[in-house]
Amino acid sequence: MIGFRFTRLIEKLLSVKFVIFIVATVLLCCGVLGGAEWLTVALTVIAGREFQKFKDFKFTRKVTSEESLGSD
């Protein structure tokens, strides 16, 4: 059980969006990026995740409505 959770944590940590967010945060701390650039990166990562959730939801909803029409 703990091994499975540890594996899931590693998978989430290696996602591209999370890595981009961490790199931007490190660059902010080092003074390479300013606050506005970091905010742009953070909002892009958040918007990308929300778009992915919306796309998955829309696709799932479309499939279920088509299945219900076919079963009538």
N, C-alpha and C. Protein backbone atom coordinates (compact mmCIF):
# COMPACT_ATOMS: atom_id res chain seq x y z
N MET A 1 0.83 -1.20 0.00
CA MET A 1 0.00 0.00 0.00
C MET A 1 0.87 1.26 0.00
N ILE A 2 1.87 1.27 0.85
CA ILE A 2 2.75 2.44 0.91
C ILE A 2 3.57 2.53 -0.37
N GLY A 3 3.97 1.40 -0.91
CA GLY A 3 4.73 1.39 -2.16
C GLY A 3 3.93 1.97 -3.31
N PHE A 4 2.64 1.64 -3.36
CA PHE A 4 1.77 2.16 -4.41
C PHE A 4 1.64 3.67 -4.29
N ARG A 5 1.44 4.16 -3.07
CA ARG A 5 1.32 5.61 -2.87
C ARG A 5 2.61 6.33 -3.21
N PHE A 6 3.73 5.72 -2.86
CA PHE A 6 5.03 6.32 -3.17
C PHE A 6 5.22 6.38 -4.69
N THR A 7 4.82 5.33 -5.39
CA THR A 7 4.92 5.32 -6.85
C THR A 7 4.06 6.40 -7.47
N ARG A 8 2.83 6.57 -6.98
CA ARG A 8 1.93 7.62 -7.49
C ARG A 8 2.51 9.01 -7.23
N LEU A 9 3.14 9.20 -6.06
CA LEU A 9 3.75 10.48 -5.74
C LEU A 9 4.88 10.79 -6.71
N ILE A 10 5.71 9.82 -7.01
CA ILE A 10 6.82 10.02 -7.95
C ILE A 10 6.28 10.35 -9.34
N GLU A 11 5.18 9.67 -9.76
CA GLU A 11 4.59 9.96 -11.07
C GLU A 11 4.09 11.40 -11.13
N LYS A 12 3.46 11.86 -10.06
CA LYS A 12 2.95 13.23 -10.04
C LYS A 12 4.09 14.24 -10.02
N LEU A 13 5.16 13.93 -9.30
CA LEU A 13 6.29 14.85 -9.22
C LEU A 13 7.01 14.96 -10.56
N LEU A 14 6.93 13.94 -11.39
CA LEU A 14 7.62 13.96 -12.66
C LEU A 14 6.76 14.49 -13.80
N SER A 15 5.56 14.96 -13.49
CA SER A 15 4.74 15.51 -14.56
C SER A 15 5.38 16.79 -15.07
N VAL A 16 5.18 17.05 -16.33
CA VAL A 16 5.84 18.19 -16.99
C VAL A 16 5.42 19.51 -16.35
N LYS A 17 4.12 19.64 -16.07
CA LYS A 17 3.64 20.91 -15.50
C LYS A 17 4.25 21.16 -14.12
N PHE A 18 4.36 20.11 -13.31
CA PHE A 18 4.93 20.29 -11.98
C PHE A 18 6.41 20.65 -12.07
N VAL A 19 7.12 20.02 -12.97
CA VAL A 19 8.55 20.33 -13.14
C VAL A 19 8.73 21.77 -13.59
N ILE A 20 7.89 22.24 -14.52
CA ILE A 20 7.97 23.63 -14.97
C ILE A 20 7.71 24.58 -13.81
N PHE A 21 6.72 24.26 -12.99
CA PHE A 21 6.39 25.09 -11.83
C PHE A 21 7.56 25.15 -10.85
N ILE A 22 8.19 24.02 -10.57
CA ILE A 22 9.33 23.98 -9.64
C ILE A 22 10.51 24.75 -10.21
N VAL A 23 10.80 24.59 -11.49
CA VAL A 23 11.91 25.32 -12.10
C VAL A 23 11.67 26.82 -12.03
N ALA A 24 10.43 27.24 -12.32
CA ALA A 24 10.12 28.67 -12.25
C ALA A 24 10.26 29.19 -10.82
N THR A 25 9.86 28.40 -9.83
CA THR A 25 9.99 28.82 -8.44
C THR A 25 11.46 28.95 -8.04
N VAL A 26 12.28 28.01 -8.47
CA VAL A 26 13.72 28.08 -8.17
C VAL A 26 14.34 29.30 -8.84
N LEU A 27 13.95 29.57 -10.09
CA LEU A 27 14.48 30.75 -10.78
C LEU A 27 14.01 32.05 -10.12
N LEU A 28 12.81 32.03 -9.56
CA LEU A 28 12.31 33.20 -8.82
C LEU A 28 13.16 33.42 -7.57
N CYS A 29 13.45 32.35 -6.86
CA CYS A 29 14.27 32.46 -5.65
C CYS A 29 15.69 32.91 -5.95
N CYS A 30 16.21 32.52 -7.10
CA CYS A 30 17.57 32.92 -7.49
C CYS A 30 17.63 34.33 -8.07
N GLY A 31 16.49 34.93 -8.34
CA GLY A 31 16.46 36.27 -8.86
C GLY A 31 16.50 36.36 -10.38
N VAL A 32 16.40 35.23 -11.05
CA VAL A 32 16.43 35.24 -12.51
C VAL A 32 15.09 35.69 -13.07
N LEU A 33 14.00 35.21 -12.48
CA LEU A 33 12.66 35.60 -12.88
C LEU A 33 12.10 36.63 -11.91
N GLY A 34 11.26 37.48 -12.43
CA GLY A 34 10.55 38.41 -11.57
C GLY A 34 9.20 37.83 -11.17
N GLY A 35 8.49 38.56 -10.36
CA GLY A 35 7.19 38.10 -9.88
C GLY A 35 6.17 37.95 -10.98
N ALA A 36 6.19 38.85 -11.97
CA ALA A 36 5.22 38.79 -13.06
C ALA A 36 5.46 37.57 -13.94
N GLU A 37 6.71 37.27 -14.21
CA GLU A 37 7.01 36.10 -15.03
C GLU A 37 6.63 34.82 -14.31
N TRP A 38 6.93 34.74 -13.01
CA TRP A 38 6.57 33.57 -12.22
C TRP A 38 5.05 33.39 -12.19
N LEU A 39 4.32 34.49 -12.02
CA LEU A 39 2.87 34.43 -12.01
C LEU A 39 2.34 33.94 -13.35
N THR A 40 2.94 34.37 -14.44
CA THR A 40 2.53 33.91 -15.77
C THR A 40 2.73 32.40 -15.90
N VAL A 41 3.86 31.91 -15.45
CA VAL A 41 4.12 30.46 -15.50
C VAL A 41 3.12 29.72 -14.63
N ALA A 42 2.88 30.21 -13.42
CA ALA A 42 1.95 29.55 -12.50
C ALA A 42 0.53 29.51 -13.08
N LEU A 43 0.08 30.62 -13.65
CA LEU A 43 -1.26 30.65 -14.23
C LEU A 43 -1.36 29.75 -15.46
N THR A 44 -0.29 29.65 -16.22
CA THR A 44 -0.29 28.76 -17.39
C THR A 44 -0.39 27.30 -16.95
N VAL A 45 0.34 26.93 -15.92
CA VAL A 45 0.28 25.56 -15.41
C VAL A 45 -1.12 25.25 -14.88
N ILE A 46 -1.70 26.17 -14.12
CA ILE A 46 -3.04 25.97 -13.57
C ILE A 46 -4.07 25.90 -14.69
N ALA A 47 -3.98 26.79 -15.65
CA ALA A 47 -4.94 26.80 -16.75
C ALA A 47 -4.81 25.53 -17.60
N GLY A 48 -3.61 25.05 -17.79
CA GLY A 48 -3.41 23.81 -18.54
C GLY A 48 -4.06 22.63 -17.86
N ARG A 49 -3.95 22.57 -16.55
CA ARG A 49 -4.57 21.47 -15.80
C ARG A 49 -6.08 21.57 -15.85
N GLU A 50 -6.62 22.77 -15.70
CA GLU A 50 -8.07 22.94 -15.75
C GLU A 50 -8.61 22.61 -17.14
N PHE A 51 -7.88 23.00 -18.18
CA PHE A 51 -8.31 22.67 -19.54
C PHE A 51 -8.31 21.16 -19.75
N GLN A 52 -7.30 20.49 -19.21
CA GLN A 52 -7.23 19.04 -19.34
C GLN A 52 -8.41 18.37 -18.64
N LYS A 53 -8.76 18.86 -17.45
CA LYS A 53 -9.92 18.31 -16.73
C LYS A 53 -11.20 18.56 -17.51
N PHE A 54 -11.36 19.76 -18.06
CA PHE A 54 -12.55 20.09 -18.82
C PHE A 54 -12.67 19.22 -20.07
N LYS A 55 -11.56 19.03 -20.76
CA LYS A 55 -11.55 18.21 -21.96
C LYS A 55 -11.93 16.76 -21.62
N ASP A 56 -11.37 16.22 -20.54
CA ASP A 56 -11.70 14.86 -20.12
C ASP A 56 -13.17 14.75 -19.74
N PHE A 57 -13.69 15.75 -19.04
CA PHE A 57 -15.09 15.74 -18.62
C PHE A 57 -16.02 15.81 -19.83
N LYS A 58 -15.68 16.66 -20.78
CA LYS A 58 -16.52 16.83 -21.96
C LYS A 58 -16.54 15.54 -22.78
N PHE A 59 -15.40 14.90 -22.93
CA PHE A 59 -15.33 13.65 -23.68
C PHE A 59 -16.11 12.56 -22.97
N THR A 60 -15.99 12.46 -21.66
CA THR A 60 -16.71 11.44 -20.89
C THR A 60 -18.21 11.68 -20.98
N ARG A 61 -18.64 12.92 -20.86
CA ARG A 61 -20.06 13.23 -20.92
C ARG A 61 -20.63 12.90 -22.29
N LYS A 62 -19.87 13.16 -23.35
CA LYS A 62 -20.34 12.88 -24.71
C LYS A 62 -20.52 11.38 -24.91
N VAL A 63 -19.59 10.59 -24.43
CA VAL A 63 -19.68 9.15 -24.59
C VAL A 63 -20.89 8.60 -23.85
N THR A 64 -21.12 9.06 -22.61
CA THR A 64 -22.25 8.53 -21.86
C THR A 64 -23.57 8.94 -22.48
N SER A 65 -23.68 10.15 -23.05
CA SER A 65 -24.94 10.55 -23.67
C SER A 65 -25.19 9.76 -24.95
N GLU A 66 -24.15 9.44 -25.69
CA GLU A 66 -24.33 8.63 -26.89
C GLU A 66 -24.73 7.20 -26.53
N GLU A 67 -24.16 6.68 -25.44
CA GLU A 67 -24.53 5.34 -25.01
C GLU A 67 -25.97 5.29 -24.57
N SER A 68 -26.45 6.32 -23.88
CA SER A 68 -27.81 6.31 -23.41
C SER A 68 -28.81 6.43 -24.58
N LEU A 69 -28.42 7.13 -25.64
CA LEU A 69 -29.29 7.22 -26.81
C LEU A 69 -29.38 5.88 -27.53
N GLY A 70 -28.29 5.14 -27.54
CA GLY A 70 -28.29 3.86 -28.21
C GLY A 70 -29.06 2.79 -27.45
N SER A 71 -29.19 2.94 -26.14
CA SER A 71 -29.85 1.91 -25.34
C SER A 71 -31.37 2.09 -25.28
N ASP A 72 -31.90 3.21 -25.79
CA ASP A 72 -33.34 3.45 -25.71
C ASP A 72 -34.12 2.57 -26.64
